[in-house]
């Protein structure tokens, strides 16, 4: 029998969607949770294992420690903002269960294995990048020095085993929906722009795009694009529909669901007869024919990373897209009746007051259904992080989140301080949603759907609370800056 194994997305800040499936490890302006997809794969490979998603199921640190008493092996998915709290948690777990073996996985420890191990002696080893088979082999008794892709301490020295090749045969992995059914409650997951309740999964791994800010391909999944067979995806969806007849939407949370036209059209042909509603991520390079095939097969919504309305910024971040292509893509979506949720980022290299205004204007021109506006975060291991450190653009205290886990601006540029970037996030939301056309969409939903009305009211209260916290941070930082001599931005 393998070690009795607990896979943990750990408790953290309130409403913190910390990393096991979250694209932005942070506390949400509006409470929402993504599924811990990465942990679900190996949790389905080890007999007797359990997947515990503490944030979405509101499991406290104390409850987690008690649960961990009954396990021999703990696999914890950590993140850069959550790491300090995660190591405090596992120290307490070791106190009550000294024999338990603990592995940390995720982007943070993939990039900083030495520092992570030295910061927390309670960690027995970390897995760099994909961790499915490494933790499986350890649970089966394989010695550490024979497991590829891990780092551990031996006599005070960090040992790195050779890198593990990326998994090529994705069809050999378990279906994550079967693990969800076994261990999770799907009613605990909510994303404001997706239909509730929803279920998410992957059809591919990796992303060939070179976006300098993107955490996942640079630290965990890699750039090489690997795909499940369309038959395997369709088979999982057919079973998942039977598992949850009341689920209103399935979401394909790949970095690039529709990067290859032929595969997308083939997959859509196999999904169409299943007759279910689904959504996915998309790049603006997707053409009209592919979008039409997706719509005909049941696609409802696309999450689209527009990022900026300035062409030079798109070039600076290696987005591989143009403003004009984004315009045409959005027109195509509107024509087909596809809903678009647009993602924008303020504070990317080249940002100025003028480019911020251009991006807000561009977003209003696109007029997509909903938007998310984030501040640029330079995660260790990304090209953006190296750029910001090299050029001295990191804010002095280098805090990525506040005491509640909410994103803070930690990059600034000459003439554009961090507090102004964060302040612009609120202005962006105000200018976008208080337009008559956008406001009407919201009021229309509230008027004709009681569930939407209740949800929108709750979301508005939560957002205003976060807004007040960030406004206070901006005010405090300005007062502090006014009272202290100017210093060079930190380079690390």
Protein backbone atom coordinates (compact mmCIF):
# COMPACT_ATOMS: atom_id res chain seq x y z
CA UNK A 1 0.00 0.00 0.00
CA UNK A 2 1.23 3.53 -0.71
CA UNK A 3 1.62 6.11 2.02
CA UNK A 4 -1.67 7.55 3.19
CA UNK A 5 -1.53 10.84 1.31
CA UNK A 6 -3.27 14.20 1.76
CA UNK A 7 -3.17 16.69 -1.12
CA UNK A 8 -3.72 20.17 0.28
CA UNK A 9 -4.64 23.54 -1.13
CA UNK A 10 -3.97 25.24 2.21
CA UNK A 11 -6.13 27.67 4.19
CA UNK A 12 -4.91 31.22 3.90
CA UNK A 13 -6.29 34.75 3.74
CA UNK A 14 -10.08 35.13 3.65
CA UNK A 15 -11.33 34.55 0.07
CA UNK A 16 -7.76 33.69 -1.01
CA UNK A 17 -7.68 31.53 -4.14
CA UNK A 18 -4.16 30.48 -3.58
CA UNK A 19 -2.60 28.64 -6.48
CA UNK A 20 -3.71 25.05 -7.04
CA UNK A 21 -5.77 26.22 -9.99
CA UNK A 22 -5.87 29.97 -9.62
CA UNK A 23 -4.38 32.05 -12.41
CA UNK A 24 -3.68 34.94 -10.01
CA UNK A 25 -2.82 33.73 -6.48
CA UNK A 26 -4.59 36.44 -4.50
CA UNK A 27 -7.67 37.35 -2.53
CA UNK A 28 -10.42 38.22 -4.97
CA UNK A 29 -12.21 41.56 -5.06
CA UNK A 30 -15.30 39.37 -5.25
CA UNK A 31 -15.24 35.97 -3.55
CA UNK A 32 -14.56 33.29 -6.14
CA UNK A 33 -12.73 29.99 -6.29
CA UNK A 34 -11.16 27.94 -9.05
CA UNK A 35 -10.76 24.19 -8.78
CA UNK A 36 -7.42 22.72 -7.54
CA UNK A 37 -6.86 21.02 -10.90
CA UNK A 38 -3.12 20.45 -10.54
CA UNK A 39 -3.54 18.60 -7.25
CA UNK A 40 -6.42 16.51 -8.57
CA UNK A 41 -4.27 14.58 -11.06
CA UNK A 42 -1.92 12.86 -8.57
CA UNK A 43 -4.75 12.63 -6.03
CA UNK A 44 -6.41 10.31 -8.51
CA UNK A 45 -3.24 8.24 -8.94
CA UNK A 46 -2.58 7.26 -5.32
CA UNK A 47 -4.88 4.71 -3.70
CA UNK A 48 -6.51 6.03 -0.55
CA UNK A 49 -5.46 9.66 -1.16
CA UNK A 50 -7.64 12.65 -0.33
CA UNK A 51 -7.78 16.10 -1.95
CA UNK A 52 -8.55 18.85 0.57
CA UNK A 53 -9.32 22.29 -0.89
CA UNK A 54 -9.40 24.33 2.29
CA UNK A 55 -10.09 27.85 0.90
CA UNK A 56 -13.22 27.02 -1.07
CA UNK A 57 -14.60 24.70 1.60
CA UNK A 58 -13.75 27.17 4.40
CA UNK A 59 -11.65 24.66 6.33
CA UNK A 60 -9.66 26.47 9.01
CA UNK A 61 -5.98 26.00 9.85
CA UNK A 62 -6.95 24.23 13.07
CA UNK A 63 -9.24 21.82 11.23
CA UNK A 64 -6.54 21.19 8.62
CA UNK A 65 -3.99 20.34 11.33
CA UNK A 66 -6.42 17.86 12.88
CA UNK A 67 -7.10 16.24 9.50
CA UNK A 68 -3.37 15.93 8.82
CA UNK A 69 -2.90 13.92 12.04
CA UNK A 70 -4.24 10.89 10.19
CA UNK A 71 -1.89 11.01 7.19
CA UNK A 72 1.63 9.82 6.44
CA UNK A 73 2.39 12.11 3.51
CA UNK A 74 1.28 15.69 2.83
CA UNK A 75 1.54 17.39 -0.59
CA UNK A 76 0.94 21.14 -0.26
CA UNK A 77 0.50 23.48 -3.22
CA UNK A 78 2.02 26.81 -2.20
CA UNK A 79 2.23 30.27 -3.77
CA UNK A 80 4.51 33.27 -3.36
CA UNK A 81 1.97 35.36 -1.39
CA UNK A 82 0.84 32.36 0.67
CA UNK A 83 4.25 30.79 1.39
CA UNK A 84 4.93 32.48 4.79
CA UNK A 85 1.57 31.27 6.13
CA UNK A 86 2.01 27.82 4.57
CA UNK A 87 5.30 27.18 6.36
CA UNK A 88 3.77 28.24 9.68
CA UNK A 89 0.99 25.75 9.05
CA UNK A 90 3.25 22.77 8.29
CA UNK A 91 5.41 23.47 11.35
CA UNK A 92 2.28 22.98 13.46
CA UNK A 93 1.34 19.87 11.48
CA UNK A 94 4.79 18.39 12.20
CA UNK A 95 4.37 19.25 15.87
CA UNK A 96 1.24 17.09 16.14
CA UNK A 97 2.34 14.46 13.60
CA UNK A 98 6.17 14.29 13.67
CA UNK A 99 6.36 11.27 11.36
CA UNK A 100 4.46 12.85 8.48
CA UNK A 101 6.48 13.56 5.33
CA UNK A 102 5.81 16.91 3.66
CA UNK A 103 6.35 17.95 0.05
CA UNK A 104 5.74 21.45 -1.29
CA UNK A 105 4.77 21.87 -4.94
CA UNK A 106 3.85 24.81 -7.18
CA UNK A 107 5.54 27.72 -8.97
CA UNK A 108 7.14 29.30 -5.89
CA UNK A 109 9.16 26.25 -4.81
CA UNK A 110 9.89 25.32 -8.43
CA UNK A 111 11.75 28.59 -8.84
CA UNK A 112 13.16 28.96 -5.32
CA UNK A 113 13.83 25.42 -4.07
CA UNK A 114 16.94 26.24 -2.03
CA UNK A 115 15.41 29.21 -0.27
CA UNK A 116 12.16 27.34 0.37
CA UNK A 117 13.91 24.38 1.99
CA UNK A 118 16.13 26.57 4.15
CA UNK A 119 13.19 28.75 5.19
CA UNK A 120 11.30 25.72 6.48
CA UNK A 121 13.06 22.60 7.82
CA UNK A 122 9.62 20.97 8.13
CA UNK A 123 9.58 20.50 4.35
CA UNK A 124 11.08 17.12 3.47
CA UNK A 125 11.37 17.90 -0.25
CA UNK A 126 10.01 20.14 -2.99
CA UNK A 127 9.08 19.16 -6.51
CA UNK A 128 10.18 21.38 -9.35
CA UNK A 129 7.54 21.98 -12.05
CA UNK A 130 5.16 19.09 -12.86
CA UNK A 131 4.84 16.98 -9.75
CA UNK A 132 2.37 14.20 -10.61
CA UNK A 133 4.76 11.28 -10.87
CA UNK A 134 7.32 12.52 -8.33
CA UNK A 135 4.82 12.44 -5.47
CA UNK A 136 3.37 9.15 -6.73
CA UNK A 137 6.82 7.53 -6.66
CA UNK A 138 7.56 8.84 -3.15
CA UNK A 139 4.24 7.49 -1.88
CA UNK A 140 5.24 4.08 -3.27
CA UNK A 141 8.51 4.07 -1.34
CA UNK A 142 11.04 5.23 -3.93
CA UNK A 143 14.14 6.83 -2.32
CA UNK A 144 14.52 10.59 -2.73
CA UNK A 145 17.77 10.34 -4.65
CA UNK A 146 16.06 8.20 -7.30
CA UNK A 147 13.12 10.55 -7.90
CA UNK A 148 13.56 12.98 -10.79
CA UNK A 149 12.74 16.68 -10.48
CA UNK A 150 12.96 17.13 -6.73
CA UNK A 151 15.13 19.09 -4.27
CA UNK A 152 15.80 18.19 -0.63
CA UNK A 153 18.21 18.85 2.21
CA UNK A 154 20.88 16.28 3.03
CA UNK A 155 23.32 17.04 5.85
CA UNK A 156 22.56 20.75 5.53
CA UNK A 157 23.18 20.83 1.77
CA UNK A 158 20.46 21.15 -0.87
CA UNK A 159 20.44 18.24 -3.31
CA UNK A 160 18.80 18.63 -6.72
CA UNK A 161 18.00 15.49 -8.67
CA UNK A 162 17.99 15.77 -12.49
CA UNK A 163 15.00 17.50 -14.07
CA UNK A 164 12.03 15.31 -14.95
CA UNK A 165 10.91 15.40 -18.59
CA UNK A 166 7.49 16.99 -19.15
CA UNK A 167 4.59 14.55 -19.32
CA UNK A 168 3.73 13.84 -22.94
CA UNK A 169 0.91 11.31 -22.65
CA UNK A 170 -1.81 13.33 -20.94
CA UNK A 171 -4.40 10.64 -21.67
CA UNK A 172 -2.61 8.43 -19.14
CA UNK A 173 -3.53 10.82 -16.32
CA UNK A 174 -6.74 10.40 -14.30
CA UNK A 175 -9.87 12.38 -15.08
CA UNK A 176 -9.92 15.18 -12.51
CA UNK A 177 -13.71 15.28 -12.49
CA UNK A 178 -13.74 11.83 -10.86
CA UNK A 179 -11.54 13.18 -8.07
CA UNK A 180 -13.79 16.22 -7.66
CA UNK A 181 -16.78 13.92 -7.34
CA UNK A 182 -15.00 11.89 -4.66
CA UNK A 183 -13.50 14.69 -2.56
CA UNK A 184 -15.05 18.08 -3.35
CA UNK A 185 -18.40 19.83 -3.18
CA UNK A 186 -19.01 21.58 -6.51
CA UNK A 187 -21.45 24.01 -4.92
CA UNK A 188 -18.49 25.59 -3.09
CA UNK A 189 -17.04 26.96 -6.33
CA UNK A 190 -18.18 30.23 -7.82
CA UNK A 191 -16.71 32.61 -10.39
CA UNK A 192 -18.87 35.68 -11.02
CA UNK A 193 -18.85 35.52 -14.81
CA UNK A 194 -19.42 31.74 -15.02
CA UNK A 195 -22.78 30.05 -14.55
CA UNK A 196 -23.28 28.60 -11.07
CA UNK A 197 -22.53 25.86 -10.26
CA UNK A 198 -19.65 25.21 -12.64
CA UNK A 199 -16.87 22.62 -13.01
CA UNK A 200 -13.43 23.26 -14.56
CA UNK A 201 -10.79 20.98 -16.09
CA UNK A 202 -7.88 21.02 -18.53
CA UNK A 203 -7.61 19.64 -22.06
CA UNK A 204 -3.95 20.62 -22.54
CA UNK A 205 -0.79 21.56 -20.64
CA UNK A 206 1.81 24.16 -21.45
CA UNK A 207 1.61 27.33 -23.50
CA UNK A 208 3.89 28.30 -26.39
CA UNK A 209 3.11 32.00 -25.93
CA UNK A 210 5.96 34.04 -24.48
CA UNK A 211 4.07 36.57 -22.34
CA UNK A 212 6.68 37.91 -19.93
CA UNK A 213 4.32 38.26 -16.96
CA UNK A 214 2.57 34.88 -17.12
CA UNK A 215 3.39 32.68 -14.15
CA UNK A 216 2.40 29.18 -15.23
CA UNK A 217 4.35 28.35 -18.41
CA UNK A 218 7.50 30.01 -17.06
CA UNK A 219 7.48 28.18 -13.74
CA UNK A 220 5.29 25.06 -13.74
CA UNK A 221 3.72 23.74 -16.94
CA UNK A 222 6.43 24.83 -19.39
CA UNK A 223 6.03 26.28 -22.87
CA UNK A 224 5.80 23.05 -24.92
CA UNK A 225 2.11 22.54 -25.73
CA UNK A 226 0.85 19.05 -24.97
CA UNK A 227 -2.71 18.01 -25.57
CA UNK A 228 -5.13 15.31 -24.53
CA UNK A 229 -6.80 13.41 -27.35
CA UNK A 230 -10.20 14.77 -28.31
CA UNK A 231 -11.67 11.32 -27.58
CA UNK A 232 -10.36 11.42 -24.01
CA UNK A 233 -11.79 14.91 -23.40
CA UNK A 234 -15.17 13.95 -24.82
CA UNK A 235 -15.24 10.76 -22.71
CA UNK A 236 -14.58 12.74 -19.53
CA UNK A 237 -17.27 15.27 -20.39
CA UNK A 238 -19.85 12.57 -21.08
CA UNK A 239 -19.25 11.08 -17.62
CA UNK A 240 -19.10 14.47 -15.90
CA UNK A 241 -22.52 15.38 -17.26
CA UNK A 242 -23.92 12.29 -15.58
CA UNK A 243 -22.07 13.04 -12.32
CA UNK A 244 -23.62 16.50 -11.98
CA UNK A 245 -26.88 16.93 -13.89
CA UNK A 246 -27.41 20.29 -12.15
CA UNK A 247 -24.05 21.80 -13.14
CA UNK A 248 -24.83 24.69 -15.48
CA UNK A 249 -21.44 25.11 -17.13
CA UNK A 250 -18.10 23.38 -17.68
CA UNK A 251 -14.98 25.48 -18.05
CA UNK A 252 -11.82 24.48 -19.92
CA UNK A 253 -9.20 26.34 -17.88
CA UNK A 254 -6.24 25.74 -20.21
CA UNK A 255 -3.61 28.39 -20.85
CA UNK A 256 -4.56 28.02 -24.52
CA UNK A 257 -7.63 25.96 -25.29
CA UNK A 258 -7.91 26.98 -28.94
CA UNK A 259 -4.35 27.55 -30.07
CA UNK A 260 -4.52 24.93 -32.85
CA UNK A 261 -7.46 25.43 -35.21
CA UNK A 262 -7.68 21.83 -36.49
CA UNK A 263 -7.72 20.35 -32.99
CA UNK A 264 -10.30 22.83 -31.74
CA UNK A 265 -12.66 22.11 -34.61
CA UNK A 266 -12.16 18.34 -34.13
CA UNK A 267 -12.87 18.64 -30.41
CA UNK A 268 -15.94 20.79 -31.00
CA UNK A 269 -17.34 18.14 -33.35
CA UNK A 270 -17.10 15.60 -30.49
CA UNK A 271 -18.50 17.94 -27.84
CA UNK A 272 -21.50 19.12 -29.86
CA UNK A 273 -23.53 15.86 -29.59
CA UNK A 274 -23.12 15.94 -25.79
CA UNK A 275 -25.28 19.08 -25.71
CA UNK A 276 -23.87 20.99 -22.75
CA UNK A 277 -22.82 24.57 -22.06
CA UNK A 278 -19.12 25.31 -21.73
CA UNK A 279 -16.65 28.20 -21.68
CA UNK A 280 -12.88 28.51 -22.03
CA UNK A 281 -9.88 30.81 -22.25
CA UNK A 282 -8.97 32.30 -25.61
CA UNK A 283 -6.39 34.42 -27.38
CA UNK A 284 -7.46 37.22 -29.70
CA UNK A 285 -5.74 35.41 -32.58
CA UNK A 286 -8.63 32.90 -32.78
CA UNK A 287 -10.34 33.31 -36.14
CA UNK A 288 -14.05 33.54 -36.98
CA UNK A 289 -14.37 29.98 -38.30
CA UNK A 290 -12.95 28.50 -35.10
CA UNK A 291 -15.12 30.74 -32.94
CA UNK A 292 -18.19 29.66 -34.91
CA UNK A 293 -17.35 25.97 -34.42
CA UNK A 294 -17.00 26.62 -30.69
CA UNK A 295 -20.31 28.47 -30.50
CA UNK A 296 -22.11 25.72 -32.43
CA UNK A 297 -20.70 23.13 -30.00
CA UNK A 298 -22.12 24.88 -26.93
CA UNK A 299 -19.48 27.48 -26.04
CA UNK A 300 -20.98 30.42 -24.16
CA UNK A 301 -18.14 32.59 -22.87
CA UNK A 302 -14.45 33.29 -23.48
CA UNK A 303 -11.93 34.64 -20.98
CA UNK A 304 -9.62 36.83 -23.04
CA UNK A 305 -6.33 38.41 -21.98
CA UNK A 306 -6.35 41.79 -23.73
CA UNK A 307 -3.90 43.11 -21.09
CA UNK A 308 -3.41 46.60 -22.58
CA UNK A 309 -4.75 49.03 -25.15
CA UNK A 310 -1.27 50.19 -26.06
CA UNK A 311 0.53 48.42 -28.89
CA UNK A 312 4.01 49.11 -27.56
CA UNK A 313 3.14 47.57 -24.20
CA UNK A 314 1.84 44.46 -25.98
CA UNK A 315 5.17 44.31 -27.77
CA UNK A 316 7.10 44.84 -24.53
CA UNK A 317 5.40 41.86 -22.88
CA UNK A 318 5.72 39.64 -25.99
CA UNK A 319 1.96 39.20 -26.20
CA UNK A 320 2.03 38.15 -29.86
CA UNK A 321 -1.14 40.11 -30.62
CA UNK A 322 -2.13 43.49 -32.00
CA UNK A 323 -4.74 46.04 -31.04
CA UNK A 324 -6.42 45.69 -34.44
CA UNK A 325 -6.61 41.91 -34.12
CA UNK A 326 -8.18 42.31 -30.67
CA UNK A 327 -10.81 44.62 -32.15
CA UNK A 328 -11.69 42.17 -34.94
CA UNK A 329 -11.78 39.20 -32.57
CA UNK A 330 -14.19 41.04 -30.28
CA UNK A 331 -16.42 42.02 -33.20
CA UNK A 332 -16.48 38.37 -34.28
CA UNK A 333 -17.49 37.26 -30.78
CA UNK A 334 -20.28 39.85 -30.63
CA UNK A 335 -21.53 38.78 -34.06
CA UNK A 336 -21.68 35.13 -32.99
CA UNK A 337 -23.26 35.87 -29.63
CA UNK A 338 -20.24 34.71 -27.62
CA UNK A 339 -19.91 36.43 -24.24
CA UNK A 340 -16.45 37.84 -23.46
CA UNK A 341 -14.82 38.41 -20.07
CA UNK A 342 -11.83 40.68 -20.67
CA UNK A 343 -8.69 40.68 -18.55
CA UNK A 344 -6.55 43.82 -18.34
CA UNK A 345 -3.34 44.53 -16.43
CA UNK A 346 -2.05 47.94 -15.33
CA UNK A 347 1.62 48.52 -14.56
CA UNK A 348 3.25 46.47 -17.30
CA UNK A 349 6.60 47.64 -18.78
CA UNK A 350 6.14 50.90 -20.64
CA UNK A 351 3.09 51.98 -18.62
CA UNK A 352 2.46 55.72 -18.29
CA UNK A 353 -0.54 57.85 -17.38
CA UNK A 354 -1.27 58.13 -21.09
CA UNK A 355 -1.16 54.37 -21.75
CA UNK A 356 -3.47 53.75 -18.76
CA UNK A 357 -5.97 56.20 -20.24
CA UNK A 358 -5.60 54.53 -23.64
CA UNK A 359 -6.31 51.10 -22.14
CA UNK A 360 -9.43 52.32 -20.35
CA UNK A 361 -10.64 53.93 -23.59
CA UNK A 362 -9.85 50.74 -25.53
CA UNK A 363 -11.78 48.58 -23.05
CA UNK A 364 -14.83 50.82 -23.34
CA UNK A 365 -14.58 50.61 -27.13
CA UNK A 366 -14.51 46.79 -26.99
CA UNK A 367 -17.51 46.81 -24.63
CA UNK A 368 -17.23 43.21 -23.46
CA UNK A 369 -19.68 41.79 -20.93
CA UNK A 370 -17.40 41.86 -17.87
CA UNK A 371 -13.81 42.80 -17.09
CA UNK A 372 -11.12 42.07 -14.54
CA UNK A 373 -8.42 44.66 -13.91
CA UNK A 374 -5.25 43.51 -12.16
CA UNK A 375 -2.05 45.25 -11.18
CA UNK A 376 1.09 43.79 -12.76
CA UNK A 377 2.71 41.26 -10.46
CA UNK A 378 6.30 40.22 -10.99
CA UNK A 379 6.45 36.65 -9.73
CA UNK A 380 9.89 35.08 -9.19
CA UNK A 381 10.81 32.98 -12.18
CA UNK A 382 9.13 35.23 -14.74
CA UNK A 383 10.81 37.48 -17.27
CA UNK A 384 8.85 40.41 -15.84
CA UNK A 385 10.42 39.80 -12.42
CA UNK A 386 13.93 39.80 -13.88
CA UNK A 387 13.17 43.00 -15.81
CA UNK A 388 11.75 44.83 -12.79
CA UNK A 389 14.66 43.85 -10.53
CA UNK A 390 17.32 44.66 -13.13
CA UNK A 391 15.89 48.14 -13.73
CA UNK A 392 15.14 48.99 -10.11
CA UNK A 393 11.38 49.18 -10.64
CA UNK A 394 10.38 47.10 -7.60
CA UNK A 395 8.77 49.06 -4.76
CA UNK A 396 10.97 49.22 -1.66
CA UNK A 397 9.02 46.81 0.57
CA UNK A 398 8.23 44.54 -2.42
CA UNK A 399 4.86 43.53 -0.93
CA UNK A 400 2.66 41.73 -3.45
CA UNK A 401 -0.40 41.61 -1.19
CA UNK A 402 -1.76 43.41 1.86
CA UNK A 403 -2.56 41.78 5.20
CA UNK A 404 -5.73 40.33 3.66
CA UNK A 405 -4.03 38.89 0.58
CA UNK A 406 -5.33 41.56 -1.82
CA UNK A 407 -3.07 42.53 -4.71
CA UNK A 408 -0.87 45.58 -4.22
CA UNK A 409 1.15 47.36 -6.87
CA UNK A 410 4.79 46.44 -6.27
CA UNK A 411 6.21 47.76 -9.55
CA UNK A 412 6.56 51.45 -10.33
CA UNK A 413 8.18 53.53 -13.04
CA UNK A 414 9.72 57.00 -13.27
CA UNK A 415 6.80 59.41 -13.14
CA UNK A 416 4.29 56.63 -12.32
CA UNK A 417 4.39 55.58 -8.64
CA UNK A 418 2.88 52.32 -7.43
CA UNK A 419 0.02 54.00 -5.60
CA UNK A 420 -1.09 55.74 -8.78
CA UNK A 421 -1.19 52.41 -10.64
CA UNK A 422 -3.35 50.88 -7.90
CA UNK A 423 -5.59 53.93 -7.83
CA UNK A 424 -6.05 53.61 -11.60
CA UNK A 425 -7.51 50.12 -11.12
CA UNK A 426 -10.50 51.64 -9.31
CA UNK A 427 -10.83 54.41 -11.88
CA UNK A 428 -10.81 51.77 -14.62
CA UNK A 429 -13.69 49.88 -13.00
CA UNK A 430 -15.64 53.11 -12.39
CA UNK A 431 -15.29 54.42 -15.92
CA UNK A 432 -16.15 51.03 -17.40
CA UNK A 433 -19.14 49.96 -15.33
CA UNK A 434 -20.78 53.34 -14.76
CA UNK A 435 -21.36 53.86 -18.48
CA UNK A 436 -25.09 53.71 -19.30
CA UNK A 437 -24.66 50.67 -21.56
CA UNK A 438 -22.70 48.64 -18.98
CA UNK A 439 -24.92 49.71 -16.09
CA UNK A 440 -28.01 48.68 -18.05
CA UNK A 441 -26.61 45.18 -18.55
CA UNK A 442 -26.15 44.79 -14.81
CA UNK A 443 -29.56 46.20 -13.91
CA UNK A 444 -31.23 44.04 -16.54
CA UNK A 445 -29.76 40.91 -14.99
CA UNK A 446 -30.79 42.00 -11.51
CA UNK A 447 -34.34 42.81 -12.60
CA UNK A 448 -35.11 39.49 -14.25
CA UNK A 449 -33.16 36.98 -12.19
CA UNK A 450 -33.51 36.76 -8.41
CA UNK A 451 -30.32 34.70 -8.03
CA UNK A 452 -28.33 37.23 -10.07
CA UNK A 453 -29.81 40.08 -8.05
CA UNK A 454 -28.73 38.52 -4.77
CA UNK A 455 -25.25 37.67 -6.13
CA UNK A 456 -24.70 41.14 -7.61
CA UNK A 457 -25.65 42.78 -4.30
CA UNK A 458 -23.19 40.57 -2.40
CA UNK A 459 -20.44 41.20 -4.97
CA UNK A 460 -20.97 44.96 -4.85
CA UNK A 461 -20.59 44.99 -1.05
CA UNK A 462 -17.42 42.89 -1.21
CA UNK A 463 -15.88 45.00 -3.95
CA UNK A 464 -16.56 48.26 -2.10
CA UNK A 465 -14.89 46.81 1.01
CA UNK A 466 -11.76 45.92 -0.97
CA UNK A 467 -11.83 49.31 -2.67
CA UNK A 468 -11.84 51.05 0.72
CA UNK A 469 -8.87 48.97 1.89
CA UNK A 470 -6.85 49.81 -1.21
CA UNK A 471 -7.76 53.50 -1.00
CA UNK A 472 -6.41 53.53 2.56
CA UNK A 473 -3.19 51.84 1.35
CA UNK A 474 -2.76 54.53 -1.33
CA UNK A 475 -3.37 57.31 1.20
CA UNK A 476 -0.98 55.81 3.77
CA UNK A 477 1.76 55.31 1.18
CA UNK A 478 1.49 58.88 -0.06
CA UNK A 479 1.68 60.22 3.47
CA UNK A 480 4.71 58.04 4.16
CA UNK A 481 6.42 59.12 0.92
CA UNK A 482 5.77 62.78 1.72
CA UNK A 483 7.38 62.43 5.15
CA UNK A 484 10.53 60.52 4.17
CA UNK A 485 13.44 61.40 1.90
CA UNK A 486 13.31 59.99 -1.62
CA UNK A 487 15.23 56.75 -2.09
CA UNK A 488 16.12 54.55 -5.03
CA UNK A 489 13.56 51.79 -5.73
CA UNK A 490 14.76 48.44 -4.38
CA UNK A 491 16.47 46.08 -6.84
CA UNK A 492 15.52 42.86 -5.09
